[in-house]
Amino acid sequence: MPSFLRTTVVLSACALAACASSAPRLADAPPSVIRMQSADPLRITTDDDYVARVNREAQRRGLQVQWINPPLRRTN
C-alpha cells in the first residue's frame, strides 16, 4: 500500500507540474500586446500555395491526395 500511495503522489506532482508549465496566459502579457492582438485579429485560412504544391507533386507521381486536415496559416 505505501508504494501505491507513493506512486499516486509522484503522478499527482507530475500532473501539477505539467499544468504549471502550460503556455502563458493573456493576463501575464504586457498591456501593449493585449491591445495589439485585439486591434488587429489574425485570420486563419487554408494554405492554398502549399496545398497546390503537394497536389501537383502527387499528381506528377500518379498519386491522389485527400486532405483531411488541410494546412492552415495565419493572415492579417
C-alpha atoms as a PDB file:
ATOM      1  CA  MET A   1       0.000   0.000   0.000  1.00  0.00           C
ATOM      2  CA  PRO A   2       2.783   2.531   0.709  1.00  0.00           C
ATOM      3  CA  SER A   3       4.152   2.040  -2.832  1.00  0.00           C
ATOM      4  CA  PHE A   4       0.681   2.751  -4.262  1.00  0.00           C
ATOM      5  CA  LEU A   5       0.490   5.938  -2.193  1.00  0.00           C
ATOM      6  CA  ARG A   6       3.992   6.951  -3.247  1.00  0.00           C
ATOM      7  CA  THR A   7       3.134   6.337  -6.923  1.00  0.00           C
ATOM      8  CA  THR A   8      -0.055   8.375  -6.590  1.00  0.00           C
ATOM      9  CA  VAL A   9       1.817  11.294  -5.023  1.00  0.00           C
ATOM     10  CA  VAL A  10       4.506  11.239  -7.733  1.00  0.00           C
ATOM     11  CA  LEU A  11       1.935  11.108 -10.548  1.00  0.00           C
ATOM     12  CA  SER A  12      -0.050  13.934  -8.960  1.00  0.00           C
ATOM     13  CA  ALA A  13       3.083  16.056  -8.696  1.00  0.00           C
ATOM     14  CA  CYS A  14       3.868  15.392 -12.369  1.00  0.00           C
ATOM     15  CA  ALA A  15       0.344  16.363 -13.393  1.00  0.00           C
ATOM     16  CA  LEU A  16       0.517  19.586 -11.407  1.00  0.00           C
ATOM     17  CA  ALA A  17       3.923  20.411 -12.882  1.00  0.00           C
ATOM     18  CA  ALA A  18       2.546  19.885 -16.387  1.00  0.00           C
ATOM     19  CA  CYS A  19      -0.340  22.248 -15.692  1.00  0.00           C
ATOM     20  CA  ALA A  20       2.013  24.863 -14.286  1.00  0.00           C
ATOM     21  CA  SER A  21       4.229  24.773 -17.361  1.00  0.00           C
ATOM     22  CA  SER A  22       1.434  25.497 -19.853  1.00  0.00           C
ATOM     23  CA  ALA A  23       1.523  28.472 -22.222  1.00  0.00           C
ATOM     24  CA  PRO A  24       1.485  31.948 -20.681  1.00  0.00           C
ATOM     25  CA  ARG A  25      -1.936  33.424 -20.158  1.00  0.00           C
ATOM     26  CA  LEU A  26      -3.103  36.651 -21.751  1.00  0.00           C
ATOM     27  CA  ALA A  27      -3.266  38.256 -18.303  1.00  0.00           C
ATOM     28  CA  ASP A  28       0.516  37.803 -17.988  1.00  0.00           C
ATOM     29  CA  ALA A  29       1.191  39.659 -21.252  1.00  0.00           C
ATOM     30  CA  PRO A  30       2.048  43.363 -21.239  1.00  0.00           C
ATOM     31  CA  PRO A  31      -0.914  45.666 -22.000  1.00  0.00           C
ATOM     32  CA  SER A  32       0.556  46.729 -25.363  1.00  0.00           C
ATOM     33  CA  VAL A  33       0.493  43.118 -26.585  1.00  0.00           C
ATOM     34  CA  ILE A  34      -3.112  42.689 -25.490  1.00  0.00           C
ATOM     35  CA  ARG A  35      -4.178  45.855 -27.300  1.00  0.00           C
ATOM     36  CA  MET A  36      -2.241  44.885 -30.421  1.00  0.00           C
ATOM     37  CA  GLN A  37      -3.863  41.437 -30.577  1.00  0.00           C
ATOM     38  CA  SER A  38      -7.397  42.697 -30.126  1.00  0.00           C
ATOM     39  CA  ALA A  39      -6.979  45.619 -32.563  1.00  0.00           C
ATOM     40  CA  ASP A  40      -5.748  43.520 -35.487  1.00  0.00           C
ATOM     41  CA  PRO A  41      -7.048  39.956 -35.212  1.00  0.00           C
ATOM     42  CA  LEU A  42      -5.403  37.300 -37.328  1.00  0.00           C
ATOM     43  CA  ARG A  43      -7.479  35.185 -39.670  1.00  0.00           C
ATOM     44  CA  ILE A  44      -6.731  31.514 -40.092  1.00  0.00           C
ATOM     45  CA  THR A  45      -7.076  30.311 -43.672  1.00  0.00           C
ATOM     46  CA  THR A  46      -6.069  27.265 -45.688  1.00  0.00           C
ATOM     47  CA  ASP A  47      -2.519  27.488 -47.029  1.00  0.00           C
ATOM     48  CA  ASP A  48      -3.546  27.239 -50.692  1.00  0.00           C
ATOM     49  CA  ASP A  49       0.007  27.574 -52.037  1.00  0.00           C
ATOM     50  CA  TYR A  50       1.230  24.581 -50.055  1.00  0.00           C
ATOM     51  CA  VAL A  51      -1.846  22.524 -50.928  1.00  0.00           C
ATOM     52  CA  ALA A  52      -1.329  23.271 -54.625  1.00  0.00           C
ATOM     53  CA  ARG A  53       2.363  22.283 -54.466  1.00  0.00           C
ATOM     54  CA  VAL A  54       1.610  18.991 -52.725  1.00  0.00           C
ATOM     55  CA  ASN A  55      -1.245  18.191 -55.101  1.00  0.00           C
ATOM     56  CA  ARG A  56       0.957  18.966 -58.133  1.00  0.00           C
ATOM     57  CA  GLU A  57       3.748  16.718 -56.871  1.00  0.00           C
ATOM     58  CA  ALA A  58       1.303  13.933 -56.048  1.00  0.00           C
ATOM     59  CA  GLN A  59      -0.259  14.163 -59.489  1.00  0.00           C
ATOM     60  CA  ARG A  60       3.198  14.058 -61.078  1.00  0.00           C
ATOM     61  CA  ARG A  61       3.868  10.806 -59.180  1.00  0.00           C
ATOM     62  CA  GLY A  62       0.476   9.364 -60.089  1.00  0.00           C
ATOM     63  CA  LEU A  63      -0.991   9.695 -56.596  1.00  0.00           C
ATOM     64  CA  GLN A  64      -4.158  11.294 -55.287  1.00  0.00           C
ATOM     65  CA  VAL A  65      -4.198  13.368 -52.093  1.00  0.00           C
ATOM     66  CA  GLN A  66      -7.265  13.609 -49.921  1.00  0.00           C
ATOM     67  CA  TRP A  67      -6.868  16.398 -47.362  1.00  0.00           C
ATOM     68  CA  ILE A  68      -8.425  15.503 -44.011  1.00  0.00           C
ATOM     69  CA  ASN A  69      -6.915  18.429 -42.101  1.00  0.00           C
ATOM     70  CA  PRO A  70      -5.558  20.895 -44.660  1.00  0.00           C
ATOM     71  CA  PRO A  71      -2.596  23.014 -43.587  1.00  0.00           C
ATOM     72  CA  LEU A  72      -3.513  26.374 -42.125  1.00  0.00           C
ATOM     73  CA  ARG A  73      -1.779  29.734 -41.998  1.00  0.00           C
ATOM     74  CA  ARG A  74      -2.441  32.968 -40.176  1.00  0.00           C
ATOM     75  CA  THR A  75      -3.056  36.104 -42.210  1.00  0.00           C
ATOM     76  CA  ASN A  76      -3.922  39.696 -41.398  1.00  0.00           C
END
